[in-house]
Amino acid sequence: MVQRVKALITTISSMKSEHPLKPVWGGLPRGDQDGRIVDEPPVYNEAEREILALREPLSGVLKDAKRLIADIGTSDQLERLRANALVEVAFYNGAPGRRGYTKAECVADLQSILKLLQTLPLDGTGVRTAGSRGGDPVAGPAAGSRGGTGAVEAHFSVKQLAELWGFSQRTIRRLIEDEPELVTIRRDSRNKRTYRRVQVPASVAERIHRKLTAGRH
């Protein structure tokens, strides 16, 4: 999560537009000489393409930050996020509006969100630490469970690990596909389709995370 915010700060700092959240418009559809609509893609300049490319990752980071803070943060920390001007502008078009919101303001507000995330009970790589509100640590087993049985060990879904480590769910599934200790929950629906949900024990998550971060030190 922290790394995703840092990446956004770098991206926005290098954007050509001084107003990275402003609406962009590719123009009306064109017509031929007989007045029929010609189905052509909208025309955007480079700055507008950067703005369009920013929308999904920015929205994703803000939504994931809210979920993370709501899960392991305090009500005060959640309120601080909601009061951040970037959240107001991005989701509610609050003052000064998307057209008037500058690149410098966006970077400053992202830096404030970064500092807020750094106050959460996370380790240096953005993973929950032991004792944090909302459950056991993602990168390691619960306190006292190391070497214990799987019945008392924290387990995490693919979605949870993807959100907390900043990877796609596809990447997480690839990382865990050869692990023998996964817990698979099967459920048969009324239409006879079988749904499978995979749960990753905390000790397995810890081992995978050590491999991922081994080259960073």
N, C-alpha and C. Protein backbone atom coordinates (compact mmCIF):
# COMPACT_ATOMS: atom_id res chain seq x y z
N MET A 1 0.82 -1.19 0.00
CA MET A 1 0.00 0.00 0.00
C MET A 1 0.87 1.26 0.00
N VAL A 2 1.86 1.27 0.87
CA VAL A 2 2.77 2.42 0.95
C VAL A 2 3.49 2.61 -0.38
N GLN A 3 3.96 1.51 -0.97
CA GLN A 3 4.68 1.59 -2.24
C GLN A 3 3.77 2.08 -3.37
N ARG A 4 2.51 1.72 -3.34
CA ARG A 4 1.58 2.18 -4.36
C ARG A 4 1.36 3.69 -4.27
N VAL A 5 1.28 4.21 -3.05
CA VAL A 5 1.12 5.66 -2.88
C VAL A 5 2.38 6.38 -3.37
N LYS A 6 3.54 5.85 -3.04
CA LYS A 6 4.80 6.46 -3.49
C LYS A 6 4.88 6.46 -5.02
N ALA A 7 4.44 5.37 -5.63
CA ALA A 7 4.46 5.30 -7.10
C ALA A 7 3.53 6.33 -7.71
N LEU A 8 2.36 6.55 -7.10
CA LEU A 8 1.44 7.57 -7.59
C LEU A 8 2.04 8.96 -7.48
N ILE A 9 2.71 9.23 -6.38
CA ILE A 9 3.35 10.54 -6.20
C ILE A 9 4.36 10.78 -7.32
N THR A 10 5.16 9.77 -7.64
CA THR A 10 6.14 9.89 -8.72
C THR A 10 5.45 10.11 -10.06
N THR A 11 4.39 9.34 -10.32
CA THR A 11 3.66 9.48 -11.59
C THR A 11 3.05 10.86 -11.75
N ILE A 12 2.38 11.33 -10.72
CA ILE A 12 1.69 12.63 -10.81
C ILE A 12 2.70 13.76 -10.91
N SER A 13 3.82 13.65 -10.22
CA SER A 13 4.84 14.70 -10.27
C SER A 13 5.38 14.90 -11.68
N SER A 14 5.37 13.84 -12.48
CA SER A 14 5.94 13.92 -13.82
C SER A 14 4.89 14.16 -14.91
N MET A 15 3.63 14.32 -14.53
CA MET A 15 2.57 14.53 -15.52
C MET A 15 2.70 15.89 -16.20
N LYS A 16 2.26 15.95 -17.44
CA LYS A 16 2.33 17.21 -18.19
C LYS A 16 1.26 18.20 -17.73
N SER A 17 0.09 17.69 -17.39
CA SER A 17 -1.00 18.56 -16.98
C SER A 17 -0.78 19.10 -15.57
N GLU A 18 -1.08 20.38 -15.38
CA GLU A 18 -1.02 20.98 -14.05
C GLU A 18 -2.28 20.70 -13.25
N HIS A 19 -3.25 20.06 -13.87
CA HIS A 19 -4.52 19.74 -13.21
C HIS A 19 -4.84 18.27 -13.51
N PRO A 20 -4.23 17.34 -12.78
CA PRO A 20 -4.28 15.92 -13.14
C PRO A 20 -5.63 15.25 -12.96
N LEU A 21 -6.59 15.90 -12.29
CA LEU A 21 -7.90 15.28 -12.09
C LEU A 21 -8.99 15.92 -12.95
N LYS A 22 -8.62 16.89 -13.79
CA LYS A 22 -9.65 17.59 -14.55
C LYS A 22 -10.33 16.65 -15.54
N PRO A 23 -11.60 16.88 -15.85
CA PRO A 23 -12.30 16.04 -16.84
C PRO A 23 -11.67 16.24 -18.22
N VAL A 24 -11.61 15.20 -19.01
CA VAL A 24 -11.13 15.31 -20.38
C VAL A 24 -12.22 14.81 -21.32
N TRP A 25 -12.22 15.36 -22.51
CA TRP A 25 -13.27 15.07 -23.47
C TRP A 25 -12.65 14.89 -24.84
N GLY A 26 -12.91 13.78 -25.46
CA GLY A 26 -12.30 13.47 -26.75
C GLY A 26 -13.03 14.01 -27.95
N GLY A 27 -14.07 14.81 -27.71
CA GLY A 27 -14.80 15.40 -28.83
C GLY A 27 -16.02 14.59 -29.23
N LEU A 28 -16.91 15.22 -30.02
CA LEU A 28 -18.12 14.57 -30.50
C LEU A 28 -17.79 13.54 -31.58
N PRO A 29 -18.64 12.52 -31.75
CA PRO A 29 -18.43 11.59 -32.87
C PRO A 29 -18.50 12.34 -34.19
N ARG A 30 -17.73 11.91 -35.15
CA ARG A 30 -17.70 12.57 -36.44
C ARG A 30 -18.77 11.99 -37.37
N GLY A 31 -19.18 12.80 -38.33
CA GLY A 31 -20.15 12.36 -39.32
C GLY A 31 -19.56 12.35 -40.70
N ASP A 32 -20.08 11.49 -41.57
CA ASP A 32 -19.60 11.48 -42.96
C ASP A 32 -20.38 12.50 -43.78
N GLN A 33 -20.16 12.51 -45.08
CA GLN A 33 -20.79 13.52 -45.93
C GLN A 33 -22.31 13.34 -46.03
N ASP A 34 -22.79 12.17 -45.65
CA ASP A 34 -24.23 11.94 -45.67
C ASP A 34 -24.87 12.14 -44.30
N GLY A 35 -24.06 12.60 -43.34
CA GLY A 35 -24.60 12.88 -42.02
C GLY A 35 -24.65 11.69 -41.09
N ARG A 36 -24.08 10.55 -41.52
CA ARG A 36 -24.08 9.37 -40.67
C ARG A 36 -22.89 9.42 -39.70
N ILE A 37 -23.12 8.92 -38.48
CA ILE A 37 -22.07 8.92 -37.46
C ILE A 37 -20.96 7.96 -37.86
N VAL A 38 -19.74 8.45 -37.80
CA VAL A 38 -18.58 7.60 -38.06
C VAL A 38 -18.01 7.14 -36.72
N ASP A 39 -17.95 5.86 -36.54
CA ASP A 39 -17.49 5.30 -35.27
C ASP A 39 -15.97 5.36 -35.19
N GLU A 40 -15.47 6.45 -34.67
CA GLU A 40 -14.03 6.62 -34.51
C GLU A 40 -13.70 6.84 -33.03
N PRO A 41 -12.54 6.38 -32.59
CA PRO A 41 -12.18 6.58 -31.17
C PRO A 41 -11.97 8.06 -30.87
N PRO A 42 -12.24 8.47 -29.63
CA PRO A 42 -11.99 9.86 -29.25
C PRO A 42 -10.53 10.25 -29.46
N VAL A 43 -10.30 11.51 -29.65
CA VAL A 43 -8.94 12.00 -29.86
C VAL A 43 -8.47 12.72 -28.60
N TYR A 44 -7.40 12.21 -28.00
CA TYR A 44 -6.84 12.82 -26.79
C TYR A 44 -5.38 13.19 -27.05
N ASN A 45 -4.95 14.29 -26.44
CA ASN A 45 -3.53 14.61 -26.51
C ASN A 45 -2.78 13.86 -25.40
N GLU A 46 -1.47 14.03 -25.35
CA GLU A 46 -0.67 13.25 -24.40
C GLU A 46 -1.05 13.54 -22.95
N ALA A 47 -1.24 14.81 -22.63
CA ALA A 47 -1.60 15.18 -21.25
C ALA A 47 -2.94 14.56 -20.86
N GLU A 48 -3.89 14.56 -21.79
CA GLU A 48 -5.20 13.98 -21.49
C GLU A 48 -5.12 12.46 -21.32
N ARG A 49 -4.27 11.82 -22.10
CA ARG A 49 -4.10 10.37 -21.94
C ARG A 49 -3.50 10.05 -20.57
N GLU A 50 -2.59 10.90 -20.08
CA GLU A 50 -2.03 10.70 -18.75
C GLU A 50 -3.11 10.83 -17.68
N ILE A 51 -4.00 11.80 -17.85
CA ILE A 51 -5.09 11.99 -16.89
C ILE A 51 -6.01 10.78 -16.87
N LEU A 52 -6.35 10.27 -18.05
CA LEU A 52 -7.22 9.10 -18.13
C LEU A 52 -6.56 7.88 -17.50
N ALA A 53 -5.25 7.72 -17.74
CA ALA A 53 -4.53 6.57 -17.19
C ALA A 53 -4.40 6.64 -15.68
N LEU A 54 -4.51 7.83 -15.11
CA LEU A 54 -4.37 8.01 -13.67
C LEU A 54 -5.63 7.60 -12.90
N ARG A 55 -6.77 7.68 -13.54
CA ARG A 55 -8.04 7.54 -12.83
C ARG A 55 -8.18 6.24 -12.06
N GLU A 56 -7.94 5.11 -12.73
CA GLU A 56 -8.15 3.81 -12.08
C GLU A 56 -7.17 3.56 -10.94
N PRO A 57 -5.84 3.75 -11.14
CA PRO A 57 -4.92 3.50 -10.01
C PRO A 57 -5.13 4.45 -8.85
N LEU A 58 -5.48 5.71 -9.13
CA LEU A 58 -5.72 6.66 -8.05
C LEU A 58 -6.95 6.27 -7.25
N SER A 59 -8.03 5.95 -7.96
CA SER A 59 -9.26 5.53 -7.28
C SER A 59 -9.02 4.26 -6.47
N GLY A 60 -8.26 3.32 -7.04
CA GLY A 60 -7.97 2.08 -6.33
C GLY A 60 -7.19 2.29 -5.06
N VAL A 61 -6.20 3.17 -5.11
CA VAL A 61 -5.39 3.45 -3.92
C VAL A 61 -6.23 4.11 -2.83
N LEU A 62 -7.06 5.07 -3.20
CA LEU A 62 -7.89 5.75 -2.20
C LEU A 62 -8.89 4.79 -1.55
N LYS A 63 -9.50 3.92 -2.36
CA LYS A 63 -10.46 2.96 -1.81
C LYS A 63 -9.76 1.94 -0.92
N ASP A 64 -8.60 1.46 -1.35
CA ASP A 64 -7.87 0.47 -0.56
C ASP A 64 -7.33 1.08 0.73
N ALA A 65 -6.91 2.35 0.67
CA ALA A 65 -6.44 3.03 1.87
C ALA A 65 -7.58 3.15 2.89
N LYS A 66 -8.77 3.46 2.39
CA LYS A 66 -9.92 3.57 3.29
C LYS A 66 -10.23 2.23 3.94
N ARG A 67 -10.20 1.14 3.14
CA ARG A 67 -10.47 -0.18 3.70
C ARG A 67 -9.41 -0.57 4.73
N LEU A 68 -8.15 -0.29 4.43
CA LEU A 68 -7.07 -0.66 5.33
C LEU A 68 -7.17 0.09 6.65
N ILE A 69 -7.42 1.40 6.56
CA ILE A 69 -7.52 2.21 7.78
C ILE A 69 -8.76 1.82 8.59
N ALA A 70 -9.86 1.54 7.90
CA ALA A 70 -11.06 1.11 8.60
C ALA A 70 -10.84 -0.23 9.30
N ASP A 71 -9.96 -1.06 8.72
CA ASP A 71 -9.72 -2.40 9.26
C ASP A 71 -8.78 -2.38 10.46
N ILE A 72 -7.66 -1.67 10.35
CA ILE A 72 -6.67 -1.73 11.43
C ILE A 72 -6.33 -0.37 12.04
N GLY A 73 -6.95 0.69 11.56
CA GLY A 73 -6.68 2.01 12.11
C GLY A 73 -7.70 2.41 13.17
N THR A 74 -7.67 3.68 13.51
CA THR A 74 -8.61 4.23 14.50
C THR A 74 -9.65 5.08 13.80
N SER A 75 -10.70 5.43 14.50
CA SER A 75 -11.73 6.28 13.92
C SER A 75 -11.17 7.66 13.59
N ASP A 76 -10.22 8.14 14.38
CA ASP A 76 -9.58 9.42 14.10
C ASP A 76 -8.78 9.36 12.80
N GLN A 77 -8.05 8.26 12.59
CA GLN A 77 -7.27 8.12 11.36
C GLN A 77 -8.18 8.03 10.14
N LEU A 78 -9.31 7.34 10.29
CA LEU A 78 -10.26 7.24 9.18
C LEU A 78 -10.86 8.61 8.87
N GLU A 79 -11.14 9.38 9.90
CA GLU A 79 -11.70 10.72 9.69
C GLU A 79 -10.68 11.63 9.01
N ARG A 80 -9.41 11.47 9.36
CA ARG A 80 -8.36 12.27 8.72
C ARG A 80 -8.28 11.95 7.23
N LEU A 81 -8.45 10.68 6.87
CA LEU A 81 -8.44 10.32 5.45
C LEU A 81 -9.64 10.94 4.73
N ARG A 82 -10.80 10.84 5.35
CA ARG A 82 -12.01 11.39 4.73
C ARG A 82 -11.92 12.89 4.53
N ALA A 83 -11.20 13.57 5.43
CA ALA A 83 -11.06 15.03 5.36
C ALA A 83 -9.97 15.46 4.39
N ASN A 84 -9.21 14.51 3.86
CA ASN A 84 -8.14 14.85 2.92
C ASN A 84 -8.75 15.46 1.66
N ALA A 85 -8.18 16.57 1.19
CA ALA A 85 -8.74 17.28 0.05
C ALA A 85 -8.78 16.42 -1.21
N LEU A 86 -7.80 15.54 -1.38
CA LEU A 86 -7.79 14.67 -2.56
C LEU A 86 -9.00 13.77 -2.58
N VAL A 87 -9.38 13.23 -1.44
CA VAL A 87 -10.57 12.38 -1.35
C VAL A 87 -11.81 13.19 -1.71
N GLU A 88 -11.89 14.40 -1.19
CA GLU A 88 -13.03 15.27 -1.48
C GLU A 88 -13.13 15.58 -2.97
N VAL A 89 -12.00 15.90 -3.58
CA VAL A 89 -12.01 16.27 -4.99
C VAL A 89 -12.25 15.06 -5.87
N ALA A 90 -11.55 13.96 -5.60
CA ALA A 90 -11.62 12.78 -6.47
C ALA A 90 -13.01 12.15 -6.47
N PHE A 91 -13.64 12.05 -5.30
CA PHE A 91 -14.91 11.33 -5.20
C PHE A 91 -16.14 12.23 -5.20
N TYR A 92 -15.98 13.48 -4.75
CA TYR A 92 -17.15 14.34 -4.60
C TYR A 92 -17.02 15.66 -5.36
N ASN A 93 -15.93 15.84 -6.12
CA ASN A 93 -15.68 17.08 -6.84
C ASN A 93 -15.76 18.28 -5.91
N GLY A 94 -15.22 18.09 -4.70
CA GLY A 94 -15.23 19.18 -3.72
C GLY A 94 -14.29 20.30 -4.10
N ALA A 95 -14.36 21.40 -3.39
CA ALA A 95 -13.54 22.57 -3.68
C ALA A 95 -12.06 22.22 -3.65
N PRO A 96 -11.26 22.73 -4.60
CA PRO A 96 -11.59 23.70 -5.66
C PRO A 96 -12.15 23.07 -6.93
N GLY A 97 -12.61 21.84 -6.89
CA GLY A 97 -13.12 21.15 -8.06
C GLY A 97 -12.00 20.50 -8.85
N ARG A 98 -12.36 19.53 -9.67
CA ARG A 98 -11.34 18.79 -10.40
C ARG A 98 -10.59 19.67 -11.40
N ARG A 99 -11.26 20.66 -11.94
CA ARG A 99 -10.59 21.54 -12.89
C ARG A 99 -9.58 22.46 -12.21
N GLY A 100 -9.84 22.84 -10.98
CA GLY A 100 -8.97 23.78 -10.30
C GLY A 100 -7.93 23.13 -9.39
N TYR A 101 -8.04 21.82 -9.20
CA TYR A 101 -7.14 21.09 -8.30
C TYR A 101 -5.80 20.87 -8.99
N THR A 102 -4.73 21.41 -8.41
CA THR A 102 -3.44 21.41 -9.09
C THR A 102 -2.61 20.16 -8.80
N LYS A 103 -1.61 19.97 -9.63
CA LYS A 103 -0.69 18.85 -9.45
C LYS A 103 0.03 18.96 -8.11
N ALA A 104 0.45 20.15 -7.75
CA ALA A 104 1.16 20.34 -6.47
C ALA A 104 0.27 20.00 -5.29
N GLU A 105 -1.02 20.39 -5.37
CA GLU A 105 -1.95 20.05 -4.30
C GLU A 105 -2.17 18.55 -4.21
N CYS A 106 -2.28 17.89 -5.36
CA CYS A 106 -2.49 16.45 -5.40
C CYS A 106 -1.31 15.70 -4.77
N VAL A 107 -0.09 16.11 -5.12
CA VAL A 107 1.10 15.47 -4.57
C VAL A 107 1.16 15.69 -3.05
N ALA A 108 0.86 16.91 -2.61
CA ALA A 108 0.89 17.21 -1.18
C ALA A 108 -0.13 16.38 -0.41
N ASP A 109 -1.32 16.22 -0.98
CA ASP A 109 -2.36 15.44 -0.31
C ASP A 109 -2.01 13.96 -0.29
N LEU A 110 -1.38 13.47 -1.36
CA LEU A 110 -0.93 12.08 -1.36
C LEU A 110 0.17 11.86 -0.32
N GLN A 111 1.03 12.85 -0.15
CA GLN A 111 2.07 12.74 0.87
C GLN A 111 1.45 12.71 2.26
N SER A 112 0.35 13.43 2.46
CA SER A 112 -0.35 13.38 3.74
C SER A 112 -0.95 12.00 3.97
N ILE A 113 -1.51 11.41 2.92
CA ILE A 113 -2.06 10.06 3.03
C ILE A 113 -0.94 9.06 3.32
N LEU A 114 0.21 9.26 2.69
CA LEU A 114 1.36 8.39 2.93
C LEU A 114 1.77 8.44 4.40
N LYS A 115 1.85 9.64 4.95
CA LYS A 115 2.21 9.79 6.37
C LYS A 115 1.17 9.13 7.27
N LEU A 116 -0.10 9.25 6.87
CA LEU A 116 -1.17 8.63 7.65
C LEU A 116 -1.02 7.10 7.63
N LEU A 117 -0.75 6.54 6.48
CA LEU A 117 -0.55 5.09 6.38
C LEU A 117 0.64 4.63 7.21
N GLN A 118 1.66 5.47 7.27
CA GLN A 118 2.86 5.12 8.03
C GLN A 118 2.65 5.16 9.53
N THR A 119 1.51 5.71 9.97
CA THR A 119 1.18 5.68 11.41
C THR A 119 0.43 4.41 11.79
N LEU A 120 0.04 3.61 10.78
CA LEU A 120 -0.68 2.38 11.07
C LEU A 120 0.28 1.31 11.57
N PRO A 121 -0.24 0.29 12.26
CA PRO A 121 0.62 -0.80 12.75
C PRO A 121 1.05 -1.72 11.61
N LEU A 122 1.96 -1.22 10.76
CA LEU A 122 2.49 -1.98 9.64
C LEU A 122 3.99 -2.11 9.79
N ASP A 123 4.56 -3.13 9.14
CA ASP A 123 6.01 -3.20 9.15
C ASP A 123 6.56 -2.35 8.00
N GLY A 124 7.86 -2.39 7.79
CA GLY A 124 8.48 -1.52 6.80
C GLY A 124 8.06 -1.78 5.37
N THR A 125 7.44 -2.93 5.10
CA THR A 125 7.02 -3.26 3.75
C THR A 125 5.52 -3.10 3.56
N GLY A 126 4.82 -2.56 4.56
CA GLY A 126 3.39 -2.32 4.42
C GLY A 126 2.54 -3.50 4.79
N VAL A 127 3.02 -4.33 5.70
CA VAL A 127 2.27 -5.51 6.13
C VAL A 127 1.88 -5.34 7.59
N ARG A 128 0.71 -5.85 7.96
CA ARG A 128 0.26 -5.75 9.35
C ARG A 128 1.28 -6.35 10.30
N THR A 129 1.43 -5.70 11.42
CA THR A 129 2.28 -6.25 12.47
C THR A 129 1.43 -6.90 13.53
N ALA A 130 2.05 -7.72 14.37
CA ALA A 130 1.31 -8.43 15.41
C ALA A 130 0.63 -7.45 16.35
N GLY A 131 -0.58 -7.81 16.76
CA GLY A 131 -1.30 -6.99 17.73
C GLY A 131 -2.11 -5.88 17.12
N SER A 132 -2.10 -5.74 15.78
CA SER A 132 -2.86 -4.66 15.16
C SER A 132 -4.34 -4.98 15.22
N ARG A 133 -5.16 -3.93 15.25
CA ARG A 133 -6.60 -4.13 15.30
C ARG A 133 -7.06 -4.75 13.98
N GLY A 134 -8.01 -5.65 14.07
CA GLY A 134 -8.54 -6.25 12.87
C GLY A 134 -8.00 -7.63 12.60
N GLY A 135 -7.10 -8.16 13.43
CA GLY A 135 -6.68 -9.53 13.24
C GLY A 135 -5.20 -9.71 13.37
N ASP A 136 -4.74 -10.85 12.93
CA ASP A 136 -3.35 -11.24 13.06
C ASP A 136 -2.52 -10.69 11.91
N PRO A 137 -1.19 -10.74 12.04
CA PRO A 137 -0.35 -10.18 10.99
C PRO A 137 -0.43 -10.97 9.71
N VAL A 138 -0.40 -10.28 8.59
CA VAL A 138 -0.49 -10.94 7.31
C VAL A 138 0.81 -11.65 6.97
N ALA A 139 1.95 -11.07 7.34
CA ALA A 139 3.22 -11.65 6.94
C ALA A 139 3.71 -12.71 7.91
N GLY A 140 3.01 -12.94 8.98
CA GLY A 140 3.47 -13.93 9.95
C GLY A 140 2.33 -14.45 10.76
N PRO A 141 2.49 -15.56 11.46
CA PRO A 141 1.43 -16.14 12.26
C PRO A 141 1.13 -15.30 13.48
N ALA A 142 -0.01 -15.56 14.08
CA ALA A 142 -0.39 -14.83 15.28
C ALA A 142 0.58 -15.13 16.40
N ALA A 143 0.66 -14.20 17.33
CA ALA A 143 1.58 -14.38 18.46
C ALA A 143 1.28 -15.69 19.16
N GLY A 144 2.31 -16.51 19.35
CA GLY A 144 2.15 -17.77 20.04
C GLY A 144 1.73 -18.92 19.15
N SER A 145 1.46 -18.63 17.84
CA SER A 145 1.00 -19.71 16.97
C SER A 145 2.12 -20.30 16.15
N ARG A 146 3.33 -19.72 16.15
CA ARG A 146 4.42 -20.27 15.36
C ARG A 146 4.69 -21.70 15.81
N GLY A 147 4.65 -22.59 14.85
CA GLY A 147 4.87 -23.99 15.16
C GLY A 147 3.63 -24.69 15.68
N GLY A 148 2.51 -23.97 15.82
CA GLY A 148 1.29 -24.57 16.34
C GLY A 148 0.50 -25.23 15.24
N THR A 149 -0.72 -25.60 15.54
CA THR A 149 -1.56 -26.27 14.56
C THR A 149 -2.28 -25.25 13.72
N GLY A 150 -2.71 -25.68 12.52
CA GLY A 150 -3.42 -24.78 11.62
C GLY A 150 -4.73 -24.31 12.18
N ALA A 151 -5.31 -25.04 13.15
CA ALA A 151 -6.62 -24.67 13.69
C ALA A 151 -6.57 -23.37 14.47
N VAL A 152 -5.41 -23.01 15.04
CA VAL A 152 -5.33 -21.78 15.83
C VAL A 152 -4.52 -20.71 15.12
N GLU A 153 -4.16 -20.96 13.87
CA GLU A 153 -3.35 -20.02 13.12
C GLU A 153 -4.24 -19.13 12.26
N ALA A 154 -3.87 -17.86 12.16
CA ALA A 154 -4.64 -16.95 11.31
C ALA A 154 -4.55 -17.40 9.85
N HIS A 155 -5.63 -17.20 9.11
CA HIS A 155 -5.67 -17.52 7.69
C HIS A 155 -6.16 -16.30 6.92
N PHE A 156 -5.68 -16.15 5.69
CA PHE A 156 -6.00 -14.98 4.89
C PHE A 156 -6.45 -15.39 3.49
N SER A 157 -7.38 -14.62 2.96
CA SER A 157 -7.87 -14.90 1.61
C SER A 157 -6.90 -14.32 0.58
N VAL A 158 -7.06 -14.77 -0.65
CA VAL A 158 -6.24 -14.23 -1.75
C VAL A 158 -6.48 -12.72 -1.88
N LYS A 159 -7.71 -12.30 -1.74
CA LYS A 159 -8.04 -10.88 -1.86
C LYS A 159 -7.36 -10.06 -0.78
N GLN A 160 -7.36 -10.56 0.46
CA GLN A 160 -6.72 -9.82 1.55
C GLN A 160 -5.23 -9.65 1.30
N LEU A 161 -4.55 -10.71 0.88
CA LEU A 161 -3.12 -10.61 0.63
C LEU A 161 -2.84 -9.68 -0.55
N ALA A 162 -3.68 -9.72 -1.56
CA ALA A 162 -3.49 -8.84 -2.73
C ALA A 162 -3.60 -7.38 -2.32
N GLU A 163 -4.58 -7.05 -1.49
CA GLU A 163 -4.78 -5.66 -1.07
C GLU A 163 -3.66 -5.18 -0.17
N LEU A 164 -3.23 -6.01 0.75
CA LEU A 164 -2.23 -5.59 1.73
C LEU A 164 -0.80 -5.60 1.18
N TRP A 165 -0.55 -6.43 0.17
CA TRP A 165 0.80 -6.46 -0.41
C TRP A 165 0.89 -5.63 -1.67
N GLY A 166 -0.26 -5.14 -2.18
CA GLY A 166 -0.23 -4.31 -3.37
C GLY A 166 -0.04 -5.07 -4.66
N PHE A 167 -0.44 -6.37 -4.68
CA PHE A 167 -0.35 -7.18 -5.89
C PHE A 167 -1.76 -7.47 -6.40
N SER A 168 -1.83 -7.97 -7.64
CA SER A 168 -3.11 -8.43 -8.15
C SER A 168 -3.44 -9.80 -7.55
N GLN A 169 -4.72 -10.16 -7.56
CA GLN A 169 -5.10 -11.48 -7.05
C GLN A 169 -4.50 -12.59 -7.91
N ARG A 170 -4.34 -12.33 -9.20
CA ARG A 170 -3.70 -13.32 -10.07
C ARG A 170 -2.27 -13.60 -9.63
N THR A 171 -1.55 -12.53 -9.27
CA THR A 171 -0.16 -12.70 -8.81
C THR A 171 -0.12 -13.51 -7.52
N ILE A 172 -1.03 -13.22 -6.60
CA ILE A 172 -1.06 -13.95 -5.33
C ILE A 172 -1.34 -15.43 -5.59
N ARG A 173 -2.28 -15.72 -6.47
CA ARG A 173 -2.58 -17.13 -6.77
C ARG A 173 -1.36 -17.83 -7.36
N ARG A 174 -0.61 -17.12 -8.19
CA ARG A 174 0.59 -17.72 -8.77
C ARG A 174 1.63 -17.99 -7.68
N LEU A 175 1.74 -17.08 -6.72
CA LEU A 175 2.72 -17.24 -5.65
C LEU A 175 2.40 -18.42 -4.73
N ILE A 176 1.11 -18.71 -4.57
CA ILE A 176 0.73 -19.75 -3.61
C ILE A 176 0.38 -21.08 -4.26
N GLU A 177 0.41 -21.15 -5.60
CA GLU A 177 -0.13 -22.33 -6.28
C GLU A 177 0.56 -23.64 -5.90
N ASP A 178 1.85 -23.58 -5.54
CA ASP A 178 2.57 -24.81 -5.21
C ASP A 178 2.67 -25.07 -3.71
N GLU A 179 1.99 -24.25 -2.91
CA GLU A 179 2.05 -24.43 -1.46
C GLU A 179 1.13 -25.58 -1.04
N PRO A 180 1.66 -26.54 -0.27
CA PRO A 180 0.84 -27.71 0.11
C PRO A 180 -0.07 -27.47 1.31
N GLU A 181 0.12 -26.35 2.02
CA GLU A 181 -0.58 -26.17 3.30
C GLU A 181 -1.81 -25.28 3.19
N LEU A 182 -2.25 -25.00 1.98
CA LEU A 182 -3.42 -24.14 1.81
C LEU A 182 -4.68 -24.85 2.29
N VAL A 183 -5.64 -24.06 2.73
CA VAL A 183 -6.93 -24.60 3.14
C VAL A 183 -7.94 -24.26 2.06
N THR A 184 -8.57 -25.26 1.49
CA THR A 184 -9.54 -25.06 0.42
C THR A 184 -10.94 -25.35 0.94
N ILE A 185 -11.81 -24.36 0.81
CA ILE A 185 -13.20 -24.49 1.25
C ILE A 185 -14.07 -24.61 0.01
N ARG A 186 -14.80 -25.68 -0.10
CA ARG A 186 -15.67 -25.91 -1.25
C ARG A 186 -17.13 -25.75 -0.83
N ARG A 187 -17.88 -25.12 -1.71
CA ARG A 187 -19.31 -24.93 -1.42
C ARG A 187 -20.11 -25.19 -2.69
N ASP A 188 -21.10 -26.05 -2.59
CA ASP A 188 -21.96 -26.36 -3.74
C ASP A 188 -23.16 -25.43 -3.73
N SER A 189 -23.41 -24.80 -4.86
CA SER A 189 -24.55 -23.89 -4.96
C SER A 189 -25.78 -24.65 -5.45
N ARG A 190 -26.91 -23.97 -5.50
CA ARG A 190 -28.16 -24.61 -5.90
C ARG A 190 -28.12 -25.06 -7.35
N ASN A 191 -27.37 -24.33 -8.18
CA ASN A 191 -27.30 -24.72 -9.58
C ASN A 191 -26.21 -25.76 -9.84
N LYS A 192 -25.75 -26.40 -8.74
CA LYS A 192 -24.79 -27.51 -8.78
C LYS A 192 -23.37 -27.10 -9.17
N ARG A 193 -23.11 -25.82 -9.22
CA ARG A 193 -21.75 -25.37 -9.44
C ARG A 193 -20.99 -25.41 -8.12
N THR A 194 -19.75 -25.76 -8.18
CA THR A 194 -18.92 -25.83 -6.98
C THR A 194 -17.99 -24.62 -6.93
N TYR A 195 -18.05 -23.90 -5.83
CA TYR A 195 -17.19 -22.75 -5.63
C TYR A 195 -16.06 -23.12 -4.68
N ARG A 196 -14.88 -22.63 -4.98
CA ARG A 196 -13.72 -22.96 -4.15
C ARG A 196 -13.09 -21.68 -3.62
N ARG A 197 -12.87 -21.63 -2.34
CA ARG A 197 -12.22 -20.48 -1.71
C ARG A 197 -10.96 -20.96 -1.01
N VAL A 198 -9.83 -20.32 -1.32
CA VAL A 198 -8.55 -20.71 -0.76
C VAL A 198 -8.19 -19.78 0.39
N GLN A 199 -7.76 -20.37 1.49
CA GLN A 199 -7.29 -19.62 2.65
C GLN A 199 -5.80 -19.94 2.86
N VAL A 200 -5.01 -18.90 3.08
CA VAL A 200 -3.56 -19.05 3.23
C VAL A 200 -3.19 -18.93 4.70
N PRO A 201 -2.61 -19.97 5.30
CA PRO A 201 -2.17 -19.85 6.70
C PRO A 201 -1.13 -18.74 6.86
N ALA A 202 -1.13 -18.11 8.02
CA ALA A 202 -0.22 -16.99 8.26
C ALA A 202 1.24 -17.40 8.12
N SER A 203 1.58 -18.62 8.53
CA SER A 203 2.97 -19.07 8.43
C SER A 203 3.39 -19.20 6.97
N VAL A 204 2.45 -19.62 6.10
CA VAL A 204 2.75 -19.70 4.67
C VAL A 204 2.93 -18.31 4.09
N ALA A 205 2.03 -17.38 4.49
CA ALA A 205 2.14 -16.00 4.02
C ALA A 205 3.47 -15.39 4.44
N GLU A 206 3.89 -15.69 5.66
CA GLU A 206 5.16 -15.17 6.16
C GLU A 206 6.32 -15.70 5.32
N ARG A 207 6.29 -16.99 4.99
CA ARG A 207 7.37 -17.59 4.22
C ARG A 207 7.43 -16.98 2.81
N ILE A 208 6.27 -16.81 2.19
CA ILE A 208 6.23 -16.21 0.85
C ILE A 208 6.74 -14.78 0.89
N HIS A 209 6.30 -14.05 1.92
CA HIS A 209 6.71 -12.65 2.01
C HIS A 209 8.21 -12.51 2.24
N ARG A 210 8.81 -13.43 3.00
CA ARG A 210 10.27 -13.39 3.19
C ARG A 210 10.98 -13.58 1.85
N LYS A 211 10.47 -14.47 1.01
CA LYS A 211 11.07 -14.69 -0.30
C LYS A 211 10.96 -13.43 -1.17
N LEU A 212 9.80 -12.77 -1.10
CA LEU A 212 9.58 -11.58 -1.92
C LEU A 212 10.49 -10.44 -1.52
N THR A 213 10.77 -10.33 -0.23
CA THR A 213 11.54 -9.19 0.27
C THR A 213 13.02 -9.52 0.47
N ALA A 214 13.41 -10.75 0.20
CA ALA A 214 14.80 -11.15 0.47
C ALA A 214 15.80 -10.32 -0.33
N GLY A 215 15.42 -9.95 -1.55
CA GLY A 215 16.36 -9.21 -2.40
C GLY A 215 16.41 -7.73 -2.13
N ARG A 216 15.55 -7.25 -1.19
CA ARG A 216 15.50 -5.81 -0.91
C ARG A 216 16.51 -5.39 0.14
N HIS A 217 17.09 -6.33 0.84
CA HIS A 217 17.96 -6.00 1.96
C HIS A 217 19.42 -6.26 1.61
